[in-house]
Amino acid sequence: MIGYDFHPAARADLDEIWQFISADNLDAADRLVTELPATVRGLVRYPN
């Protein structure tokens, strides 16, 4: 199985995005940081 990891800068960006969204909608921000890695995990199987 192919693995993946987010670059530290991407992790920092994701934290900033969470902070921005959570100011208006905490549930939406939490969904984003849960669903985005799950989506990437699904795409890793198909790198091309």
PDB file of N, CA and C in Angstrom:
ATOM      1  N   MET A   1       0.837  -1.189   0.000  1.00  0.00           N
ATOM      2  CA  MET A   1       0.000   0.000   0.000  1.00  0.00           C
ATOM      3  C   MET A   1       0.873   1.241   0.000  1.00  0.00           C
ATOM      4  N   ILE A   2       0.475   2.213  -0.772  1.00  0.00           N
ATOM      5  CA  ILE A   2       1.181   3.489  -0.859  1.00  0.00           C
ATOM      6  C   ILE A   2       0.719   4.371   0.301  1.00  0.00           C
ATOM      7  N   GLY A   3       1.672   4.986   0.978  1.00  0.00           N
ATOM      8  CA  GLY A   3       1.333   5.879   2.073  1.00  0.00           C
ATOM      9  C   GLY A   3       1.414   7.330   1.644  1.00  0.00           C
ATOM     10  N   TYR A   4       1.059   8.189   2.520  1.00  0.00           N
ATOM     11  CA  TYR A   4       1.146   9.622   2.266  1.00  0.00           C
ATOM     12  C   TYR A   4       1.283  10.347   3.589  1.00  0.00           C
ATOM     13  N   ASP A   5       1.728  11.567   3.502  1.00  0.00           N
ATOM     14  CA  ASP A   5       1.764  12.451   4.659  1.00  0.00           C
ATOM     15  C   ASP A   5       1.696  13.872   4.128  1.00  0.00           C
ATOM     16  N   PHE A   6       1.076  14.744   4.873  1.00  0.00           N
ATOM     17  CA  PHE A   6       1.007  16.139   4.476  1.00  0.00           C
ATOM     18  C   PHE A   6       2.326  16.837   4.793  1.00  0.00           C
ATOM     19  N   HIS A   7       2.763  17.679   3.904  1.00  0.00           N
ATOM     20  CA  HIS A   7       3.938  18.514   4.126  1.00  0.00           C
ATOM     21  C   HIS A   7       3.634  19.424   5.319  1.00  0.00           C
ATOM     22  N   PRO A   8       4.639  19.753   6.149  1.00  0.00           N
ATOM     23  CA  PRO A   8       4.393  20.633   7.301  1.00  0.00           C
ATOM     24  C   PRO A   8       3.715  21.954   6.927  1.00  0.00           C
ATOM     25  N   ALA A   9       4.067  22.519   5.783  1.00  0.00           N
ATOM     26  CA  ALA A   9       3.421  23.768   5.361  1.00  0.00           C
ATOM     27  C   ALA A   9       1.943  23.535   5.045  1.00  0.00           C
ATOM     28  N   ALA A  10       1.625  22.377   4.470  1.00  0.00           N
ATOM     29  CA  ALA A  10       0.227  22.054   4.181  1.00  0.00           C
ATOM     30  C   ALA A  10      -0.557  21.867   5.476  1.00  0.00           C
ATOM     31  N   ARG A  11       0.071  21.246   6.463  1.00  0.00           N
ATOM     32  CA  ARG A  11      -0.585  21.089   7.775  1.00  0.00           C
ATOM     33  C   ARG A  11      -0.858  22.454   8.402  1.00  0.00           C
ATOM     34  N   ALA A  12       0.107  23.359   8.292  1.00  0.00           N
ATOM     35  CA  ALA A  12      -0.076  24.709   8.839  1.00  0.00           C
ATOM     36  C   ALA A  12      -1.205  25.431   8.107  1.00  0.00           C
ATOM     37  N   ASP A  13      -1.261  25.259   6.776  1.00  0.00           N
ATOM     38  CA  ASP A  13      -2.351  25.857   5.998  1.00  0.00           C
ATOM     39  C   ASP A  13      -3.698  25.300   6.436  1.00  0.00           C
ATOM     40  N   LEU A  14      -3.765  24.005   6.648  1.00  0.00           N
ATOM     41  CA  LEU A  14      -5.011  23.378   7.079  1.00  0.00           C
ATOM     42  C   LEU A  14      -5.449  23.916   8.439  1.00  0.00           C
ATOM     43  N   ASP A  15      -4.498  24.130   9.333  1.00  0.00           N
ATOM     44  CA  ASP A  15      -4.818  24.731  10.637  1.00  0.00           C
ATOM     45  C   ASP A  15      -5.377  26.136  10.471  1.00  0.00           C
ATOM     46  N   GLU A  16      -4.772  26.913   9.577  1.00  0.00           N
ATOM     47  CA  GLU A  16      -5.258  28.280   9.340  1.00  0.00           C
ATOM     48  C   GLU A  16      -6.654  28.266   8.721  1.00  0.00           C
ATOM     49  N   ILE A  17      -6.870  27.352   7.792  1.00  0.00           N
ATOM     50  CA  ILE A  17      -8.196  27.229   7.176  1.00  0.00           C
ATOM     51  C   ILE A  17      -9.226  26.852   8.228  1.00  0.00           C
ATOM     52  N   TRP A  18      -8.864  25.913   9.113  1.00  0.00           N
ATOM     53  CA  TRP A  18      -9.785  25.516  10.183  1.00  0.00           C
ATOM     54  C   TRP A  18     -10.136  26.723  11.055  1.00  0.00           C
ATOM     55  N   GLN A  19      -9.130  27.505  11.422  1.00  0.00           N
ATOM     56  CA  GLN A  19      -9.370  28.683  12.268  1.00  0.00           C
ATOM     57  C   GLN A  19     -10.297  29.677  11.575  1.00  0.00           C
ATOM     58  N   PHE A  20     -10.079  29.898  10.289  1.00  0.00           N
ATOM     59  CA  PHE A  20     -10.896  30.842   9.536  1.00  0.00           C
ATOM     60  C   PHE A  20     -12.350  30.378   9.484  1.00  0.00           C
ATOM     61  N   ILE A  21     -12.563  29.112   9.122  1.00  0.00           N
ATOM     62  CA  ILE A  21     -13.924  28.593   8.997  1.00  0.00           C
ATOM     63  C   ILE A  21     -14.599  28.486  10.352  1.00  0.00           C
ATOM     64  N   SER A  22     -13.846  28.084  11.374  1.00  0.00           N
ATOM     65  CA  SER A  22     -14.450  27.878  12.694  1.00  0.00           C
ATOM     66  C   SER A  22     -14.976  29.170  13.314  1.00  0.00           C
ATOM     67  N   ALA A  23     -14.471  30.305  12.849  1.00  0.00           N
ATOM     68  CA  ALA A  23     -14.992  31.579  13.354  1.00  0.00           C
ATOM     69  C   ALA A  23     -16.477  31.722  13.028  1.00  0.00           C
ATOM     70  N   ASP A  24     -16.916  31.128  11.913  1.00  0.00           N
ATOM     71  CA  ASP A  24     -18.320  31.193  11.516  1.00  0.00           C
ATOM     72  C   ASP A  24     -19.084  29.913  11.785  1.00  0.00           C
ATOM     73  N   ASN A  25     -18.380  28.760  11.667  1.00  0.00           N
ATOM     74  CA  ASN A  25     -19.095  27.495  11.747  1.00  0.00           C
ATOM     75  C   ASN A  25     -18.138  26.393  12.214  1.00  0.00           C
ATOM     76  N   LEU A  26     -18.145  26.126  13.494  1.00  0.00           N
ATOM     77  CA  LEU A  26     -17.237  25.147  14.080  1.00  0.00           C
ATOM     78  C   LEU A  26     -17.467  23.746  13.513  1.00  0.00           C
ATOM     79  N   ASP A  27     -18.720  23.366  13.309  1.00  0.00           N
ATOM     80  CA  ASP A  27     -19.012  22.034  12.756  1.00  0.00           C
ATOM     81  C   ASP A  27     -18.438  21.869  11.353  1.00  0.00           C
ATOM     82  N   ALA A  28     -18.573  22.897  10.525  1.00  0.00           N
ATOM     83  CA  ALA A  28     -18.043  22.827   9.166  1.00  0.00           C
ATOM     84  C   ALA A  28     -16.525  22.728   9.183  1.00  0.00           C
ATOM     85  N   ALA A  29     -15.880  23.460  10.063  1.00  0.00           N
ATOM     86  CA  ALA A  29     -14.422  23.406  10.171  1.00  0.00           C
ATOM     87  C   ALA A  29     -13.965  22.014  10.592  1.00  0.00           C
ATOM     88  N   ASP A  30     -14.658  21.437  11.548  1.00  0.00           N
ATOM     89  CA  ASP A  30     -14.318  20.086  12.000  1.00  0.00           C
ATOM     90  C   ASP A  30     -14.527  19.052  10.894  1.00  0.00           C
ATOM     91  N   ARG A  31     -15.609  19.216  10.125  1.00  0.00           N
ATOM     92  CA  ARG A  31     -15.858  18.293   9.007  1.00  0.00           C
ATOM     93  C   ARG A  31     -14.746  18.384   7.975  1.00  0.00           C
ATOM     94  N   LEU A  32     -14.295  19.593   7.703  1.00  0.00           N
ATOM     95  CA  LEU A  32     -13.236  19.771   6.715  1.00  0.00           C
ATOM     96  C   LEU A  32     -11.976  19.015   7.112  1.00  0.00           C
ATOM     97  N   VAL A  33     -11.534  19.178   8.352  1.00  0.00           N
ATOM     98  CA  VAL A  33     -10.279  18.533   8.760  1.00  0.00           C
ATOM     99  C   VAL A  33     -10.449  17.029   8.945  1.00  0.00           C
ATOM    100  N   THR A  34     -11.676  16.549   8.989  1.00  0.00           N
ATOM    101  CA  THR A  34     -11.927  15.113   9.038  1.00  0.00           C
ATOM    102  C   THR A  34     -12.043  14.539   7.623  1.00  0.00           C
ATOM    103  N   GLU A  35     -12.783  15.218   6.767  1.00  0.00           N
ATOM    104  CA  GLU A  35     -13.068  14.687   5.439  1.00  0.00           C
ATOM    105  C   GLU A  35     -11.920  14.877   4.448  1.00  0.00           C
ATOM    106  N   LEU A  36     -11.159  15.939   4.567  1.00  0.00           N
ATOM    107  CA  LEU A  36     -10.071  16.160   3.623  1.00  0.00           C
ATOM    108  C   LEU A  36      -9.036  15.039   3.666  1.00  0.00           C
ATOM    109  N   PRO A  37      -8.509  14.671   4.836  1.00  0.00           N
ATOM    110  CA  PRO A  37      -7.566  13.541   4.855  1.00  0.00           C
ATOM    111  C   PRO A  37      -8.192  12.233   4.355  1.00  0.00           C
ATOM    112  N   ALA A  38      -9.465  12.020   4.649  1.00  0.00           N
ATOM    113  CA  ALA A  38     -10.137  10.810   4.169  1.00  0.00           C
ATOM    114  C   ALA A  38     -10.219  10.814   2.645  1.00  0.00           C
ATOM    115  N   THR A  39     -10.469  11.961   2.057  1.00  0.00           N
ATOM    116  CA  THR A  39     -10.528  12.077   0.610  1.00  0.00           C
ATOM    117  C   THR A  39      -9.157  11.837  -0.008  1.00  0.00           C
ATOM    118  N   VAL A  40      -8.127  12.426   0.581  1.00  0.00           N
ATOM    119  CA  VAL A  40      -6.760  12.229   0.084  1.00  0.00           C
ATOM    120  C   VAL A  40      -6.386  10.753   0.180  1.00  0.00           C
ATOM    121  N   ARG A  41      -6.736  10.123   1.283  1.00  0.00           N
ATOM    122  CA  ARG A  41      -6.443   8.701   1.466  1.00  0.00           C
ATOM    123  C   ARG A  41      -7.072   7.880   0.333  1.00  0.00           C
ATOM    124  N   GLY A  42      -8.260   8.256  -0.080  1.00  0.00           N
ATOM    125  CA  GLY A  42      -8.913   7.562  -1.180  1.00  0.00           C
ATOM    126  C   GLY A  42      -8.221   7.802  -2.513  1.00  0.00           C
ATOM    127  N   LEU A  43      -7.639   8.983  -2.691  1.00  0.00           N
ATOM    128  CA  LEU A  43      -6.962   9.315  -3.946  1.00  0.00           C
ATOM    129  C   LEU A  43      -5.582   8.695  -4.043  1.00  0.00           C
ATOM    130  N   VAL A  44      -4.963   8.378  -2.920  1.00  0.00           N
ATOM    131  CA  VAL A  44      -3.616   7.814  -2.909  1.00  0.00           C
ATOM    132  C   VAL A  44      -3.556   6.510  -3.703  1.00  0.00           C
ATOM    133  N   ARG A  45      -4.626   5.794  -3.692  1.00  0.00           N
ATOM    134  CA  ARG A  45      -4.685   4.515  -4.436  1.00  0.00           C
ATOM    135  C   ARG A  45      -4.577   4.717  -5.946  1.00  0.00           C
ATOM    136  N   TYR A  46      -4.876   5.915  -6.403  1.00  0.00           N
ATOM    137  CA  TYR A  46      -4.897   6.208  -7.832  1.00  0.00           C
ATOM    138  C   TYR A  46      -4.020   7.435  -8.130  1.00  0.00           C
ATOM    139  N   PRO A  47      -2.702   7.300  -8.010  1.00  0.00           N
ATOM    140  CA  PRO A  47      -1.809   8.465  -8.110  1.00  0.00           C
ATOM    141  C   PRO A  47      -1.796   9.143  -9.479  1.00  0.00           C
ATOM    142  N   ASN A  48      -2.210   8.449 -10.502  1.00  0.00           N
ATOM    143  CA  ASN A  48      -2.187   9.077 -11.834  1.00  0.00           C
ATOM    144  C   ASN A  48      -3.558   9.537 -12.239  1.00  0.00           C
TER     145      ASN A  48
END
